[in-house]
Amino acid sequence: MVFIEVTKMLHVYIRVIISFIWLVTAIISGISGKLQNAALYVVLAGLILYSAYAAWKKEKGD
C-alpha cells in the first residue's frame, strides 16, 4: 500500500521540488544582482511551498 500513498502524495512532492528550483533561481538572481527578480522568485517559491503544505495537511487529515 506504500505505492498508493506515494501516488496520492506525488503532487505534493512535485510542488516541493518546483519550489526548491525557484529558491535556487532566487539565490542565483540575488548573487547576480537582479534583486527584483530574486524577490519575485522567493515569493513564487513561498506560494508553491504553502500550496504543497496545505495539500499535505489535507491528505494527512483524511
C-alpha atoms as a PDB file:
ATOM      1  CA  MET A   1       0.000   0.000   0.000  1.00  0.00           C
ATOM      2  CA  VAL A   2       3.042   2.249   0.006  1.00  0.00           C
ATOM      3  CA  PHE A   3       2.602   2.757  -3.734  1.00  0.00           C
ATOM      4  CA  ILE A   4      -0.893   4.149  -3.175  1.00  0.00           C
ATOM      5  CA  GLU A   5       0.438   6.540  -0.514  1.00  0.00           C
ATOM      6  CA  VAL A   6       3.212   7.754  -2.805  1.00  0.00           C
ATOM      7  CA  THR A   7       0.794   8.180  -5.693  1.00  0.00           C
ATOM      8  CA  LYS A   8      -1.556  10.269  -3.552  1.00  0.00           C
ATOM      9  CA  MET A   9       1.276  12.472  -2.347  1.00  0.00           C
ATOM     10  CA  LEU A  10       3.090  12.738  -5.680  1.00  0.00           C
ATOM     11  CA  HIS A  11       1.670  16.200  -6.407  1.00  0.00           C
ATOM     12  CA  VAL A  12       2.990  17.404  -3.041  1.00  0.00           C
ATOM     13  CA  TYR A  13       6.473  16.092  -3.801  1.00  0.00           C
ATOM     14  CA  ILE A  14       6.440  17.718  -7.236  1.00  0.00           C
ATOM     15  CA  ARG A  15       5.405  21.067  -5.724  1.00  0.00           C
ATOM     16  CA  VAL A  16       8.226  20.882  -3.193  1.00  0.00           C
ATOM     17  CA  ILE A  17      10.775  20.144  -5.915  1.00  0.00           C
ATOM     18  CA  ILE A  18       9.496  23.020  -8.053  1.00  0.00           C
ATOM     19  CA  SER A  19       9.634  25.404  -5.090  1.00  0.00           C
ATOM     20  CA  PHE A  20      13.253  24.433  -4.404  1.00  0.00           C
ATOM     21  CA  ILE A  21      14.075  25.132  -8.048  1.00  0.00           C
ATOM     22  CA  TRP A  22      12.520  28.599  -7.636  1.00  0.00           C
ATOM     23  CA  LEU A  23      14.577  29.161  -4.464  1.00  0.00           C
ATOM     24  CA  VAL A  24      17.800  28.219  -6.249  1.00  0.00           C
ATOM     25  CA  THR A  25      16.847  30.578  -9.055  1.00  0.00           C
ATOM     26  CA  ALA A  26      16.239  33.333  -6.487  1.00  0.00           C
ATOM     27  CA  ILE A  27      19.669  32.770  -4.967  1.00  0.00           C
ATOM     28  CA  ILE A  28      21.342  32.898  -8.366  1.00  0.00           C
ATOM     29  CA  SER A  29      19.435  36.067  -9.274  1.00  0.00           C
ATOM     30  CA  GLY A  30      20.394  37.647  -5.951  1.00  0.00           C
ATOM     31  CA  ILE A  31      24.053  36.844  -6.473  1.00  0.00           C
ATOM     32  CA  SER A  32      23.990  38.274  -9.992  1.00  0.00           C
ATOM     33  CA  GLY A  33      22.440  41.496  -8.686  1.00  0.00           C
ATOM     34  CA  LYS A  34      18.925  41.159 -10.039  1.00  0.00           C
ATOM     35  CA  LEU A  35      17.202  41.766  -6.721  1.00  0.00           C
ATOM     36  CA  GLN A  36      13.752  42.433  -8.180  1.00  0.00           C
ATOM     37  CA  ASN A  37      13.773  39.044  -9.885  1.00  0.00           C
ATOM     38  CA  ALA A  38      15.131  37.397  -6.742  1.00  0.00           C
ATOM     39  CA  ALA A  39      12.293  38.839  -4.665  1.00  0.00           C
ATOM     40  CA  LEU A  40       9.738  37.639  -7.207  1.00  0.00           C
ATOM     41  CA  TYR A  41      11.207  34.139  -7.221  1.00  0.00           C
ATOM     42  CA  VAL A  42      11.194  33.990  -3.414  1.00  0.00           C
ATOM     43  CA  VAL A  43       7.513  34.949  -3.391  1.00  0.00           C
ATOM     44  CA  LEU A  44       6.714  32.329  -6.033  1.00  0.00           C
ATOM     45  CA  ALA A  45       8.623  29.646  -4.132  1.00  0.00           C
ATOM     46  CA  GLY A  46       6.804  30.600  -0.933  1.00  0.00           C
ATOM     47  CA  LEU A  47       3.422  30.347  -2.604  1.00  0.00           C
ATOM     48  CA  ILE A  48       4.203  26.951  -4.075  1.00  0.00           C
ATOM     49  CA  LEU A  49       5.573  25.705  -0.731  1.00  0.00           C
ATOM     50  CA  TYR A  50       2.436  26.911   1.016  1.00  0.00           C
ATOM     51  CA  SER A  51       0.329  25.124  -1.584  1.00  0.00           C
ATOM     52  CA  ALA A  52       2.292  21.917  -1.023  1.00  0.00           C
ATOM     53  CA  TYR A  53       1.947  22.243   2.750  1.00  0.00           C
ATOM     54  CA  ALA A  54      -1.800  22.818   2.513  1.00  0.00           C
ATOM     55  CA  ALA A  55      -2.235  19.785   0.252  1.00  0.00           C
ATOM     56  CA  TRP A  56      -0.074  17.657   2.560  1.00  0.00           C
ATOM     57  CA  LYS A  57      -2.042  18.744   5.594  1.00  0.00           C
ATOM     58  CA  LYS A  58      -5.318  17.990   3.796  1.00  0.00           C
ATOM     59  CA  GLU A  59      -4.106  14.499   2.844  1.00  0.00           C
ATOM     60  CA  LYS A  60      -2.921  13.829   6.403  1.00  0.00           C
ATOM     61  CA  GLY A  61      -6.351  14.780   7.757  1.00  0.00           C
ATOM     62  CA  ASP A  62      -8.146  12.146   5.664  1.00  0.00           C
END
